[in-house]
């Protein structure tokens, strides 16, 4: 596999991982948001279900930490791509659909260079 093809495969998998983590965070936050109303509707004391509430809150915190770590991975891979001479351009179906003004398929163009210049310059790659 060529470097650009490998980079594309990594970018796709990174996007999938970011999406999965954010999906899990969203669903877990929805779950914990339901707890107070469910307890109230069942006419139960606030003491009831506290362990479930606390463990779900811990899960939200863990997912937030995972999100931060995958963002750090994203920044590290972006820096590594620049270091080995690959253009880094933020593209993805959710934020830059085909036809959008900032969507880019052509590597080494002026827009890609502007994006690269705006990305963090000093990220540890290893």
PDB file of N, CA and C in Angstrom:
ATOM      1  N   UNK A   1       0.854  -1.176   0.000  1.00  0.00           N
ATOM      2  CA  UNK A   1       0.000   0.000   0.000  1.00  0.00           C
ATOM      3  C   UNK A   1       0.898   1.238   0.000  1.00  0.00           C
ATOM      4  N   UNK A   2       0.545   2.250  -0.757  1.00  0.00           N
ATOM      5  CA  UNK A   2       1.331   3.472  -0.815  1.00  0.00           C
ATOM      6  C   UNK A   2       1.104   4.309   0.438  1.00  0.00           C
ATOM      7  N   UNK A   3       2.011   5.261   0.682  1.00  0.00           N
ATOM      8  CA  UNK A   3       1.841   6.133   1.852  1.00  0.00           C
ATOM      9  C   UNK A   3       0.501   6.870   1.831  1.00  0.00           C
ATOM     10  N   UNK A   4       0.107   7.485   0.689  1.00  0.00           N
ATOM     11  CA  UNK A   4      -1.197   8.162   0.685  1.00  0.00           C
ATOM     12  C   UNK A   4      -2.363   7.202   0.933  1.00  0.00           C
ATOM     13  N   UNK A   5      -2.285   5.981   0.392  1.00  0.00           N
ATOM     14  CA  UNK A   5      -3.365   5.013   0.609  1.00  0.00           C
ATOM     15  C   UNK A   5      -3.409   4.585   2.070  1.00  0.00           C
ATOM     16  N   UNK A   6      -2.244   4.389   2.670  1.00  0.00           N
ATOM     17  CA  UNK A   6      -2.175   4.044   4.090  1.00  0.00           C
ATOM     18  C   UNK A   6      -2.730   5.182   4.924  1.00  0.00           C
ATOM     19  N   UNK A   7      -2.346   6.404   4.590  1.00  0.00           N
ATOM     20  CA  UNK A   7      -2.841   7.571   5.318  1.00  0.00           C
ATOM     21  C   UNK A   7      -4.358   7.678   5.200  1.00  0.00           C
ATOM     22  N   UNK A   8      -4.898   7.417   4.024  1.00  0.00           N
ATOM     23  CA  UNK A   8      -6.349   7.461   3.828  1.00  0.00           C
ATOM     24  C   UNK A   8      -7.045   6.394   4.673  1.00  0.00           C
ATOM     25  N   UNK A   9      -6.451   5.197   4.715  1.00  0.00           N
ATOM     26  CA  UNK A   9      -7.041   4.118   5.512  1.00  0.00           C
ATOM     27  C   UNK A   9      -7.016   4.475   6.997  1.00  0.00           C
ATOM     28  N   UNK A  10      -5.895   5.023   7.467  1.00  0.00           N
ATOM     29  CA  UNK A  10      -5.799   5.444   8.865  1.00  0.00           C
ATOM     30  C   UNK A  10      -6.797   6.556   9.172  1.00  0.00           C
ATOM     31  N   UNK A  11      -6.915   7.514   8.273  1.00  0.00           N
ATOM     32  CA  UNK A  11      -7.852   8.624   8.485  1.00  0.00           C
ATOM     33  C   UNK A  11      -9.284   8.114   8.574  1.00  0.00           C
ATOM     34  N   UNK A  12      -9.633   7.173   7.717  1.00  0.00           N
ATOM     35  CA  UNK A  12     -10.983   6.610   7.757  1.00  0.00           C
ATOM     36  C   UNK A  12     -11.255   5.882   9.057  1.00  0.00           C
ATOM     37  N   UNK A  13     -10.269   5.107   9.515  1.00  0.00           N
ATOM     38  CA  UNK A  13     -10.442   4.376  10.775  1.00  0.00           C
ATOM     39  C   UNK A  13     -10.462   5.332  11.965  1.00  0.00           C
ATOM     40  N   UNK A  14      -9.652   6.377  11.916  1.00  0.00           N
ATOM     41  CA  UNK A  14      -9.650   7.386  12.977  1.00  0.00           C
ATOM     42  C   UNK A  14     -11.013   8.057  13.059  1.00  0.00           C
ATOM     43  N   UNK A  15     -11.570   8.416  11.921  1.00  0.00           N
ATOM     44  CA  UNK A  15     -12.897   9.031  11.886  1.00  0.00           C
ATOM     45  C   UNK A  15     -13.943   8.078  12.465  1.00  0.00           C
ATOM     46  N   UNK A  16     -13.834   6.786  12.129  1.00  0.00           N
ATOM     47  CA  UNK A  16     -14.770   5.790  12.666  1.00  0.00           C
ATOM     48  C   UNK A  16     -14.637   5.682  14.184  1.00  0.00           C
ATOM     49  N   UNK A  17     -13.407   5.707  14.686  1.00  0.00           N
ATOM     50  CA  UNK A  17     -13.182   5.630  16.134  1.00  0.00           C
ATOM     51  C   UNK A  17     -13.735   6.868  16.837  1.00  0.00           C
ATOM     52  N   UNK A  18     -13.486   8.042  16.262  1.00  0.00           N
ATOM     53  CA  UNK A  18     -14.017   9.287  16.844  1.00  0.00           C
ATOM     54  C   UNK A  18     -15.542   9.242  16.892  1.00  0.00           C
ATOM     55  N   UNK A  19     -16.142   8.792  15.814  1.00  0.00           N
ATOM     56  CA  UNK A  19     -17.601   8.710  15.734  1.00  0.00           C
ATOM     57  C   UNK A  19     -18.156   7.719  16.751  1.00  0.00           C
ATOM     58  N   UNK A  20     -17.496   6.584  16.902  1.00  0.00           N
ATOM     59  CA  UNK A  20     -17.954   5.566  17.851  1.00  0.00           C
ATOM     60  C   UNK A  20     -17.876   6.074  19.292  1.00  0.00           C
ATOM     61  N   UNK A  21     -16.785   6.729  19.626  1.00  0.00           N
ATOM     62  CA  UNK A  21     -16.641   7.255  20.985  1.00  0.00           C
ATOM     63  C   UNK A  21     -17.697   8.313  21.258  1.00  0.00           C
ATOM     64  N   UNK A  22     -17.898   9.221  20.318  1.00  0.00           N
ATOM     65  CA  UNK A  22     -18.908  10.259  20.530  1.00  0.00           C
ATOM     66  C   UNK A  22     -20.311   9.669  20.579  1.00  0.00           C
ATOM     67  N   UNK A  23     -20.563   8.620  19.806  1.00  0.00           N
ATOM     68  CA  UNK A  23     -21.862   7.949  19.873  1.00  0.00           C
ATOM     69  C   UNK A  23     -22.091   7.315  21.233  1.00  0.00           C
ATOM     70  N   UNK A  24     -21.064   6.648  21.753  1.00  0.00           N
ATOM     71  CA  UNK A  24     -21.170   6.036  23.086  1.00  0.00           C
ATOM     72  C   UNK A  24     -21.355   7.107  24.153  1.00  0.00           C
ATOM     73  N   UNK A  25     -20.651   8.198  24.022  1.00  0.00           N
ATOM     74  CA  UNK A  25     -20.794   9.297  24.979  1.00  0.00           C
ATOM     75  C   UNK A  25     -22.211   9.873  24.939  1.00  0.00           C
ATOM     76  N   UNK A  26     -22.747  10.053  23.752  1.00  0.00           N
ATOM     77  CA  UNK A  26     -24.107  10.576  23.591  1.00  0.00           C
ATOM     78  C   UNK A  26     -25.133   9.644  24.231  1.00  0.00           C
ATOM     79  N   UNK A  27     -25.037   8.354  23.934  1.00  0.00           N
ATOM     80  CA  UNK A  27     -26.015   7.399  24.464  1.00  0.00           C
ATOM     81  C   UNK A  27     -25.912   7.264  25.986  1.00  0.00           C
ATOM     82  N   UNK A  28     -24.703   7.289  26.510  1.00  0.00           N
ATOM     83  CA  UNK A  28     -24.524   7.179  27.955  1.00  0.00           C
ATOM     84  C   UNK A  28     -25.031   8.429  28.659  1.00  0.00           C
ATOM     85  N   UNK A  29     -24.808   9.578  28.061  1.00  0.00           N
ATOM     86  CA  UNK A  29     -25.332  10.828  28.632  1.00  0.00           C
ATOM     87  C   UNK A  29     -26.866  10.819  28.618  1.00  0.00           C
ATOM     88  N   UNK A  30     -27.453  10.284  27.557  1.00  0.00           N
ATOM     89  CA  UNK A  30     -28.922  10.175  27.514  1.00  0.00           C
ATOM     90  C   UNK A  30     -29.437   9.263  28.631  1.00  0.00           C
ATOM     91  N   UNK A  31     -28.711   8.177  28.871  1.00  0.00           N
ATOM     92  CA  UNK A  31     -29.103   7.253  29.931  1.00  0.00           C
ATOM     93  C   UNK A  31     -29.088   7.942  31.291  1.00  0.00           C
ATOM     94  N   UNK A  32     -27.995   8.597  31.613  1.00  0.00           N
ATOM     95  CA  UNK A  32     -27.900   9.230  32.931  1.00  0.00           C
ATOM     96  C   UNK A  32     -28.906  10.373  33.063  1.00  0.00           C
ATOM     97  N   UNK A  33     -29.232  11.011  31.971  1.00  0.00           N
ATOM     98  CA  UNK A  33     -30.225  12.101  32.018  1.00  0.00           C
ATOM     99  C   UNK A  33     -31.614  11.568  32.357  1.00  0.00           C
ATOM    100  N   UNK A  34     -31.872  10.305  32.067  1.00  0.00           N
ATOM    101  CA  UNK A  34     -33.179   9.706  32.355  1.00  0.00           C
ATOM    102  C   UNK A  34     -33.354   9.326  33.822  1.00  0.00           C
ATOM    103  N   UNK A  35     -32.263   9.116  34.546  1.00  0.00           N
ATOM    104  CA  UNK A  35     -32.341   8.611  35.909  1.00  0.00           C
ATOM    105  C   UNK A  35     -33.190   9.464  36.852  1.00  0.00           C
ATOM    106  N   UNK A  36     -32.983  10.778  36.954  1.00  0.00           N
ATOM    107  CA  UNK A  36     -33.777  11.558  37.914  1.00  0.00           C
ATOM    108  C   UNK A  36     -35.285  11.495  37.651  1.00  0.00           C
ATOM    109  N   UNK A  37     -35.675  11.612  36.403  1.00  0.00           N
ATOM    110  CA  UNK A  37     -37.108  11.565  36.082  1.00  0.00           C
ATOM    111  C   UNK A  37     -37.680  10.175  36.365  1.00  0.00           C
ATOM    112  N   UNK A  38     -36.925   9.131  36.056  1.00  0.00           N
ATOM    113  CA  UNK A  38     -37.399   7.766  36.305  1.00  0.00           C
ATOM    114  C   UNK A  38     -37.586   7.534  37.806  1.00  0.00           C
ATOM    115  N   UNK A  39     -36.637   8.006  38.598  1.00  0.00           N
ATOM    116  CA  UNK A  39     -36.743   7.859  40.051  1.00  0.00           C
ATOM    117  C   UNK A  39     -37.946   8.626  40.579  1.00  0.00           C
ATOM    118  N   UNK A  40     -38.123   9.828  40.081  1.00  0.00           N
ATOM    119  CA  UNK A  40     -39.234  10.669  40.520  1.00  0.00           C
ATOM    120  C   UNK A  40     -40.581  10.058  40.125  1.00  0.00           C
ATOM    121  N   UNK A  41     -40.685   9.586  38.900  1.00  0.00           N
ATOM    122  CA  UNK A  41     -41.929   8.968  38.425  1.00  0.00           C
ATOM    123  C   UNK A  41     -42.287   7.720  39.232  1.00  0.00           C
ATOM    124  N   UNK A  42     -41.269   7.011  39.709  1.00  0.00           N
ATOM    125  CA  UNK A  42     -41.506   5.803  40.496  1.00  0.00           C
ATOM    126  C   UNK A  42     -41.720   6.128  41.980  1.00  0.00           C
ATOM    127  N   UNK A  43     -41.678   7.428  42.312  1.00  0.00           N
ATOM    128  CA  UNK A  43     -41.864   7.895  43.692  1.00  0.00           C
ATOM    129  C   UNK A  43     -40.871   7.244  44.658  1.00  0.00           C
ATOM    130  N   UNK A  44     -39.601   7.157  44.224  1.00  0.00           N
ATOM    131  CA  UNK A  44     -38.556   6.551  45.034  1.00  0.00           C
ATOM    132  C   UNK A  44     -37.653   7.616  45.641  1.00  0.00           C
ATOM    133  N   UNK A  45     -37.038   7.285  46.740  1.00  0.00           N
ATOM    134  CA  UNK A  45     -36.084   8.164  47.397  1.00  0.00           C
ATOM    135  C   UNK A  45     -34.872   8.391  46.493  1.00  0.00           C
ATOM    136  N   UNK A  46     -34.214   9.510  46.689  1.00  0.00           N
ATOM    137  CA  UNK A  46     -32.997   9.798  45.920  1.00  0.00           C
ATOM    138  C   UNK A  46     -31.893   8.792  46.221  1.00  0.00           C
ATOM    139  N   UNK A  47     -31.982   8.139  47.367  1.00  0.00           N
ATOM    140  CA  UNK A  47     -30.989   7.129  47.740  1.00  0.00           C
ATOM    141  C   UNK A  47     -31.059   5.927  46.791  1.00  0.00           C
ATOM    142  N   UNK A  48     -32.253   5.627  46.317  1.00  0.00           N
ATOM    143  CA  UNK A  48     -32.454   4.478  45.438  1.00  0.00           C
ATOM    144  C   UNK A  48     -31.781   4.757  44.087  1.00  0.00           C
ATOM    145  N   UNK A  49     -30.972   3.841  43.664  1.00  0.00           N
ATOM    146  CA  UNK A  49     -30.330   3.961  42.350  1.00  0.00           C
ATOM    147  C   UNK A  49     -29.063   4.792  42.339  1.00  0.00           C
ATOM    148  N   UNK A  50     -28.585   5.240  43.503  1.00  0.00           N
ATOM    149  CA  UNK A  50     -27.394   6.090  43.531  1.00  0.00           C
ATOM    150  C   UNK A  50     -26.168   5.381  42.954  1.00  0.00           C
ATOM    151  N   UNK A  51     -26.026   4.080  43.261  1.00  0.00           N
ATOM    152  CA  UNK A  51     -24.873   3.348  42.711  1.00  0.00           C
ATOM    153  C   UNK A  51     -24.913   3.309  41.191  1.00  0.00           C
ATOM    154  N   UNK A  52     -26.096   3.099  40.625  1.00  0.00           N
ATOM    155  CA  UNK A  52     -26.228   3.086  39.158  1.00  0.00           C
ATOM    156  C   UNK A  52     -25.924   4.467  38.589  1.00  0.00           C
ATOM    157  N   UNK A  53     -26.406   5.504  39.265  1.00  0.00           N
ATOM    158  CA  UNK A  53     -26.146   6.871  38.817  1.00  0.00           C
ATOM    159  C   UNK A  53     -24.642   7.148  38.858  1.00  0.00           C
ATOM    160  N   UNK A  54     -23.988   6.797  39.961  1.00  0.00           N
ATOM    161  CA  UNK A  54     -22.554   7.052  40.121  1.00  0.00           C
ATOM    162  C   UNK A  54     -21.724   6.270  39.102  1.00  0.00           C
ATOM    163  N   UNK A  55     -22.071   5.010  38.873  1.00  0.00           N
ATOM    164  CA  UNK A  55     -21.290   4.219  37.925  1.00  0.00           C
ATOM    165  C   UNK A  55     -21.502   4.713  36.494  1.00  0.00           C
ATOM    166  N   UNK A  56     -22.699   5.175  36.186  1.00  0.00           N
ATOM    167  CA  UNK A  56     -22.949   5.724  34.849  1.00  0.00           C
ATOM    168  C   UNK A  56     -22.216   7.054  34.677  1.00  0.00           C
ATOM    169  N   UNK A  57     -22.189   7.858  35.741  1.00  0.00           N
ATOM    170  CA  UNK A  57     -21.426   9.113  35.696  1.00  0.00           C
ATOM    171  C   UNK A  57     -19.941   8.818  35.469  1.00  0.00           C
ATOM    172  N   UNK A  58     -19.433   7.771  36.105  1.00  0.00           N
ATOM    173  CA  UNK A  58     -18.036   7.378  35.894  1.00  0.00           C
ATOM    174  C   UNK A  58     -17.807   6.949  34.446  1.00  0.00           C
ATOM    175  N   UNK A  59     -18.793   6.269  33.867  1.00  0.00           N
ATOM    176  CA  UNK A  59     -18.686   5.866  32.458  1.00  0.00           C
ATOM    177  C   UNK A  59     -18.631   7.090  31.546  1.00  0.00           C
ATOM    178  N   UNK A  60     -19.443   8.108  31.854  1.00  0.00           N
ATOM    179  CA  UNK A  60     -19.408   9.351  31.069  1.00  0.00           C
ATOM    180  C   UNK A  60     -18.018   9.977  31.167  1.00  0.00           C
ATOM    181  N   UNK A  61     -17.460  10.013  32.379  1.00  0.00           N
ATOM    182  CA  UNK A  61     -16.112  10.567  32.559  1.00  0.00           C
ATOM    183  C   UNK A  61     -15.070   9.773  31.775  1.00  0.00           C
ATOM    184  N   UNK A  62     -15.174   8.448  31.807  1.00  0.00           N
ATOM    185  CA  UNK A  62     -14.233   7.602  31.071  1.00  0.00           C
ATOM    186  C   UNK A  62     -14.348   7.830  29.561  1.00  0.00           C
ATOM    187  N   UNK A  63     -15.562   7.984  29.081  1.00  0.00           N
ATOM    188  CA  UNK A  63     -15.751   8.254  27.647  1.00  0.00           C
ATOM    189  C   UNK A  63     -15.226   9.631  27.266  1.00  0.00           C
ATOM    190  N   UNK A  64     -15.386  10.602  28.153  1.00  0.00           N
ATOM    191  CA  UNK A  64     -14.823  11.937  27.897  1.00  0.00           C
ATOM    192  C   UNK A  64     -13.301  11.860  27.832  1.00  0.00           C
ATOM    193  N   UNK A  65     -12.709  11.064  28.695  1.00  0.00           N
ATOM    194  CA  UNK A  65     -11.254  10.852  28.661  1.00  0.00           C
ATOM    195  C   UNK A  65     -10.855  10.156  27.359  1.00  0.00           C
ATOM    196  N   UNK A  66     -11.618   9.152  26.950  1.00  0.00           N
ATOM    197  CA  UNK A  66     -11.336   8.460  25.691  1.00  0.00           C
ATOM    198  C   UNK A  66     -11.424   9.419  24.514  1.00  0.00           C
ATOM    199  N   UNK A  67     -12.395  10.311  24.547  1.00  0.00           N
ATOM    200  CA  UNK A  67     -12.531  11.314  23.481  1.00  0.00           C
ATOM    201  C   UNK A  67     -11.288  12.190  23.422  1.00  0.00           C
ATOM    202  N   UNK A  68     -10.824  12.624  24.596  1.00  0.00           N
ATOM    203  CA  UNK A  68      -9.604  13.439  24.647  1.00  0.00           C
ATOM    204  C   UNK A  68      -8.394  12.691  24.100  1.00  0.00           C
ATOM    205  N   UNK A  69      -8.310  11.415  24.401  1.00  0.00           N
ATOM    206  CA  UNK A  69      -7.180  10.615  23.917  1.00  0.00           C
ATOM    207  C   UNK A  69      -7.236  10.412  22.404  1.00  0.00           C
ATOM    208  N   UNK A  70      -8.438  10.231  21.853  1.00  0.00           N
ATOM    209  CA  UNK A  70      -8.529  10.039  20.398  1.00  0.00           C
ATOM    210  C   UNK A  70      -8.260  11.365  19.679  1.00  0.00           C
ATOM    211  N   UNK A  71      -8.617  12.481  20.305  1.00  0.00           N
ATOM    212  CA  UNK A  71      -8.261  13.793  19.750  1.00  0.00           C
ATOM    213  C   UNK A  71      -6.739  13.955  19.754  1.00  0.00           C
ATOM    214  N   UNK A  72      -6.091  13.524  20.833  1.00  0.00           N
ATOM    215  CA  UNK A  72      -4.626  13.577  20.891  1.00  0.00           C
ATOM    216  C   UNK A  72      -4.017  12.690  19.797  1.00  0.00           C
ATOM    217  N   UNK A  73      -4.607  11.520  19.578  1.00  0.00           N
ATOM    218  CA  UNK A  73      -4.158  10.642  18.496  1.00  0.00           C
ATOM    219  C   UNK A  73      -4.299  11.344  17.153  1.00  0.00           C
ATOM    220  N   UNK A  74      -5.433  12.007  16.947  1.00  0.00           N
ATOM    221  CA  UNK A  74      -5.688  12.746  15.714  1.00  0.00           C
ATOM    222  C   UNK A  74      -4.589  13.791  15.480  1.00  0.00           C
ATOM    223  N   UNK A  75      -4.303  14.571  16.524  1.00  0.00           N
ATOM    224  CA  UNK A  75      -3.271  15.609  16.403  1.00  0.00           C
ATOM    225  C   UNK A  75      -1.899  15.007  16.136  1.00  0.00           C
ATOM    226  N   UNK A  76      -1.587  13.903  16.793  1.00  0.00           N
ATOM    227  CA  UNK A  76      -0.297  13.242  16.595  1.00  0.00           C
ATOM    228  C   UNK A  76      -0.164  12.710  15.172  1.00  0.00           C
ATOM    229  N   UNK A  77      -1.219  12.059  14.669  1.00  0.00           N
ATOM    230  CA  UNK A  77      -1.167  11.550  13.292  1.00  0.00           C
ATOM    231  C   UNK A  77      -1.081  12.684  12.274  1.00  0.00           C
ATOM    232  N   UNK A  78      -1.750  13.802  12.554  1.00  0.00           N
ATOM    233  CA  UNK A  78      -1.658  14.958  11.658  1.00  0.00           C
ATOM    234  C   UNK A  78      -0.233  15.488  11.608  1.00  0.00           C
ATOM    235  N   UNK A  79       0.394  15.587  12.781  1.00  0.00           N
ATOM    236  CA  UNK A  79       1.780  16.062  12.832  1.00  0.00           C
ATOM    237  C   UNK A  79       2.712  15.089  12.124  1.00  0.00           C
ATOM    238  N   UNK A  80       2.485  13.792  12.320  1.00  0.00           N
ATOM    239  CA  UNK A  80       3.312  12.777  11.668  1.00  0.00           C
ATOM    240  C   UNK A  80       3.159  12.854  10.153  1.00  0.00           C
ATOM    241  N   UNK A  81       1.938  13.043   9.691  1.00  0.00           N
ATOM    242  CA  UNK A  81       1.704  13.151   8.242  1.00  0.00           C
ATOM    243  C   UNK A  81       2.469  14.333   7.664  1.00  0.00           C
ATOM    244  N   UNK A  82       2.428  15.467   8.364  1.00  0.00           N
ATOM    245  CA  UNK A  82       3.188  16.633   7.892  1.00  0.00           C
ATOM    246  C   UNK A  82       4.685  16.339   7.901  1.00  0.00           C
ATOM    247  N   UNK A  83       5.134  15.636   8.939  1.00  0.00           N
ATOM    248  CA  UNK A  83       6.552  15.326   9.095  1.00  0.00           C
ATOM    249  C   UNK A  83       7.071  14.461   7.944  1.00  0.00           C
ATOM    250  N   UNK A  84       6.251  13.564   7.434  1.00  0.00           N
ATOM    251  CA  UNK A  84       6.704  12.695   6.344  1.00  0.00           C
ATOM    252  C   UNK A  84       6.290  13.220   4.969  1.00  0.00           C
ATOM    253  N   UNK A  85       5.732  14.433   4.955  1.00  0.00           N
ATOM    254  CA  UNK A  85       5.441  15.085   3.681  1.00  0.00           C
ATOM    255  C   UNK A  85       4.085  14.822   3.087  1.00  0.00           C
ATOM    256  N   UNK A  86       3.175  14.276   3.857  1.00  0.00           N
ATOM    257  CA  UNK A  86       1.816  14.083   3.356  1.00  0.00           C
ATOM    258  C   UNK A  86       0.976  15.296   3.728  1.00  0.00           C
ATOM    259  N   UNK A  87       0.178  15.757   2.806  1.00  0.00           N
ATOM    260  CA  UNK A  87      -0.732  16.850   3.122  1.00  0.00           C
ATOM    261  C   UNK A  87      -1.804  16.356   4.060  1.00  0.00           C
ATOM    262  N   UNK A  88      -2.110  17.148   5.047  1.00  0.00           N
ATOM    263  CA  UNK A  88      -3.175  16.836   5.991  1.00  0.00           C
ATOM    264  C   UNK A  88      -4.303  17.804   5.722  1.00  0.00           C
ATOM    265  N   UNK A  89      -5.483  17.266   5.489  1.00  0.00           N
ATOM    266  CA  UNK A  89      -6.641  18.103   5.233  1.00  0.00           C
ATOM    267  C   UNK A  89      -7.827  17.525   5.972  1.00  0.00           C
ATOM    268  N   UNK A  90      -8.482  18.375   6.747  1.00  0.00           N
ATOM    269  CA  UNK A  90      -9.631  17.916   7.530  1.00  0.00           C
ATOM    270  C   UNK A  90     -10.816  17.710   6.605  1.00  0.00           C
ATOM    271  N   UNK A  91     -11.094  16.461   6.295  1.00  0.00           N
ATOM    272  CA  UNK A  91     -12.258  16.141   5.474  1.00  0.00           C
ATOM    273  C   UNK A  91     -13.025  15.017   6.138  1.00  0.00           C
ATOM    274  N   UNK A  92     -14.301  14.998   5.923  1.00  0.00           N
ATOM    275  CA  UNK A  92     -15.124  13.946   6.478  1.00  0.00           C
ATOM    276  C   UNK A  92     -16.559  14.168   6.071  1.00  0.00           C
ATOM    277  N   UNK A  93     -17.329  13.120   5.938  1.00  0.00           N
ATOM    278  CA  UNK A  93     -18.685  13.252   5.420  1.00  0.00           C
ATOM    279  C   UNK A  93     -19.608  14.078   6.316  1.00  0.00           C
ATOM    280  N   UNK A  94     -19.314  14.178   7.615  1.00  0.00           N
ATOM    281  CA  UNK A  94     -20.211  14.930   8.481  1.00  0.00           C
ATOM    282  C   UNK A  94     -19.946  16.428   8.454  1.00  0.00           C
ATOM    283  N   UNK A  95     -18.688  16.814   8.320  1.00  0.00           N
ATOM    284  CA  UNK A  95     -18.411  18.241   8.404  1.00  0.00           C
ATOM    285  C   UNK A  95     -18.055  18.888   7.079  1.00  0.00           C
ATOM    286  N   UNK A  96     -17.722  18.112   6.082  1.00  0.00           N
ATOM    287  CA  UNK A  96     -17.361  18.684   4.796  1.00  0.00           C
ATOM    288  C   UNK A  96     -17.866  17.798   3.667  1.00  0.00           C
ATOM    289  N   UNK A  97     -19.158  17.846   3.386  1.00  0.00           N
ATOM    290  CA  UNK A  97     -19.690  16.978   2.334  1.00  0.00           C
ATOM    291  C   UNK A  97     -19.165  17.363   0.953  1.00  0.00           C
ATOM    292  N   UNK A  98     -19.164  16.375   0.080  1.00  0.00           N
ATOM    293  CA  UNK A  98     -18.737  16.617  -1.305  1.00  0.00           C
ATOM    294  C   UNK A  98     -19.502  17.816  -1.853  1.00  0.00           C
ATOM    295  N   UNK A  99     -18.782  18.730  -2.473  1.00  0.00           N
ATOM    296  CA  UNK A  99     -19.406  19.926  -3.008  1.00  0.00           C
ATOM    297  C   UNK A  99     -19.315  21.123  -2.071  1.00  0.00           C
ATOM    298  N   UNK A 100     -19.010  20.878  -0.789  1.00  0.00           N
ATOM    299  CA  UNK A 100     -18.843  21.971   0.166  1.00  0.00           C
ATOM    300  C   UNK A 100     -17.613  22.775  -0.239  1.00  0.00           C
ATOM    301  N   UNK A 101     -17.632  24.055   0.024  1.00  0.00           N
ATOM    302  CA  UNK A 101     -16.548  24.938  -0.407  1.00  0.00           C
ATOM    303  C   UNK A 101     -15.179  24.498   0.098  1.00  0.00           C
ATOM    304  N   UNK A 102     -15.113  23.878   1.282  1.00  0.00           N
ATOM    305  CA  UNK A 102     -13.817  23.485   1.812  1.00  0.00           C
ATOM    306  C   UNK A 102     -13.482  22.014   1.597  1.00  0.00           C
ATOM    307  N   UNK A 103     -14.358  21.287   0.878  1.00  0.00           N
ATOM    308  CA  UNK A 103     -14.072  19.884   0.577  1.00  0.00           C
ATOM    309  C   UNK A 103     -12.951  19.823  -0.446  1.00  0.00           C
ATOM    310  N   UNK A 104     -12.046  18.884  -0.266  1.00  0.00           N
ATOM    311  CA  UNK A 104     -10.905  18.817  -1.175  1.00  0.00           C
ATOM    312  C   UNK A 104     -10.546  17.371  -1.462  1.00  0.00           C
ATOM    313  N   UNK A 105     -10.383  17.026  -2.719  1.00  0.00           N
ATOM    314  CA  UNK A 105      -9.925  15.698  -3.086  1.00  0.00           C
ATOM    315  C   UNK A 105      -8.506  15.729  -3.642  1.00  0.00           C
ATOM    316  N   UNK A 106      -8.025  16.898  -4.002  1.00  0.00           N
ATOM    317  CA  UNK A 106      -6.742  17.015  -4.665  1.00  0.00           C
ATOM    318  C   UNK A 106      -5.657  17.336  -3.642  1.00  0.00           C
ATOM    319  N   UNK A 107      -4.685  16.427  -3.465  1.00  0.00           N
ATOM    320  CA  UNK A 107      -3.608  16.713  -2.528  1.00  0.00           C
ATOM    321  C   UNK A 107      -2.696  17.801  -3.066  1.00  0.00           C
ATOM    322  N   UNK A 108      -1.930  18.400  -2.171  1.00  0.00           N
ATOM    323  CA  UNK A 108      -0.927  19.414  -2.517  1.00  0.00           C
ATOM    324  C   UNK A 108      -1.529  20.673  -3.129  1.00  0.00           C
ATOM    325  N   UNK A 109      -2.734  21.043  -2.735  1.00  0.00           N
ATOM    326  CA  UNK A 109      -3.282  22.285  -3.257  1.00  0.00           C
ATOM    327  C   UNK A 109      -3.169  23.389  -2.213  1.00  0.00           C
ATOM    328  N   UNK A 110      -3.501  24.598  -2.589  1.00  0.00           N
ATOM    329  CA  UNK A 110      -3.349  25.752  -1.703  1.00  0.00           C
ATOM    330  C   UNK A 110      -4.219  25.634  -0.460  1.00  0.00           C
ATOM    331  N   UNK A 111      -5.422  25.109  -0.604  1.00  0.00           N
ATOM    332  CA  UNK A 111      -6.308  24.972   0.562  1.00  0.00           C
ATOM    333  C   UNK A 111      -5.706  24.004   1.577  1.00  0.00           C
ATOM    334  N   UNK A 112      -5.178  22.887   1.115  1.00  0.00           N
ATOM    335  CA  UNK A 112      -4.545  21.918   2.011  1.00  0.00           C
ATOM    336  C   UNK A 112      -3.370  22.568   2.738  1.00  0.00           C
ATOM    337  N   UNK A 113      -2.578  23.358   2.042  1.00  0.00           N
ATOM    338  CA  UNK A 113      -1.451  24.035   2.693  1.00  0.00           C
ATOM    339  C   UNK A 113      -1.925  25.000   3.767  1.00  0.00           C
ATOM    340  N   UNK A 114      -3.011  25.747   3.499  1.00  0.00           N
ATOM    341  CA  UNK A 114      -3.547  26.686   4.508  1.00  0.00           C
ATOM    342  C   UNK A 114      -4.030  25.937   5.745  1.00  0.00           C
ATOM    343  N   UNK A 115      -4.706  24.805   5.530  1.00  0.00           N
ATOM    344  CA  UNK A 115      -5.174  24.012   6.670  1.00  0.00           C
ATOM    345  C   UNK A 115      -3.988  23.498   7.462  1.00  0.00           C
ATOM    346  N   UNK A 116      -2.980  22.993   6.767  1.00  0.00           N
ATOM    347  CA  UNK A 116      -1.801  22.467   7.455  1.00  0.00           C
ATOM    348  C   UNK A 116      -1.118  23.542   8.275  1.00  0.00           C
ATOM    349  N   UNK A 117      -1.044  24.751   7.750  1.00  0.00           N
ATOM    350  CA  UNK A 117      -0.406  25.845   8.482  1.00  0.00           C
ATOM    351  C   UNK A 117      -1.173  26.189   9.742  1.00  0.00           C
ATOM    352  N   UNK A 118      -2.474  25.967   9.743  1.00  0.00           N
ATOM    353  CA  UNK A 118      -3.294  26.288  10.907  1.00  0.00           C
ATOM    354  C   UNK A 118      -3.256  25.196  11.971  1.00  0.00           C
ATOM    355  N   UNK A 119      -2.820  23.997  11.610  1.00  0.00           N
ATOM    356  CA  UNK A 119      -2.776  22.885  12.560  1.00  0.00           C
ATOM    357  C   UNK A 119      -1.598  23.063  13.526  1.00  0.00           C
ATOM    358  N   UNK A 120      -1.686  22.447  14.696  1.00  0.00           N
ATOM    359  CA  UNK A 120      -0.585  22.561  15.659  1.00  0.00           C
ATOM    360  C   UNK A 120       0.733  22.122  15.038  1.00  0.00           C
ATOM    361  N   UNK A 121       1.767  22.916  15.230  1.00  0.00           N
ATOM    362  CA  UNK A 121       3.072  22.600  14.652  1.00  0.00           C
ATOM    363  C   UNK A 121       3.865  21.652  15.536  1.00  0.00           C
ATOM    364  N   UNK A 122       3.736  21.786  16.820  1.00  0.00           N
ATOM    365  CA  UNK A 122       4.581  21.026  17.734  1.00  0.00           C
ATOM    366  C   UNK A 122       3.768  19.976  18.486  1.00  0.00           C
ATOM    367  N   UNK A 123       3.497  18.895  17.850  1.00  0.00           N
ATOM    368  CA  UNK A 123       2.823  17.762  18.499  1.00  0.00           C
ATOM    369  C   UNK A 123       3.795  16.607  18.464  1.00  0.00           C
ATOM    370  N   UNK A 124       3.979  15.953  19.600  1.00  0.00           N
ATOM    371  CA  UNK A 124       4.874  14.808  19.630  1.00  0.00           C
ATOM    372  C   UNK A 124       4.326  13.702  18.743  1.00  0.00           C
ATOM    373  N   UNK A 125       5.189  13.144  17.911  1.00  0.00           N
ATOM    374  CA  UNK A 125       4.731  12.075  17.019  1.00  0.00           C
ATOM    375  C   UNK A 125       5.122  10.698  17.523  1.00  0.00           C
ATOM    376  N   UNK A 126       5.935  10.620  18.532  1.00  0.00           N
ATOM    377  CA  UNK A 126       6.305   9.319  19.111  1.00  0.00           C
ATOM    378  C   UNK A 126       6.500   9.456  20.596  1.00  0.00           C
TER     379      UNK A 126
END
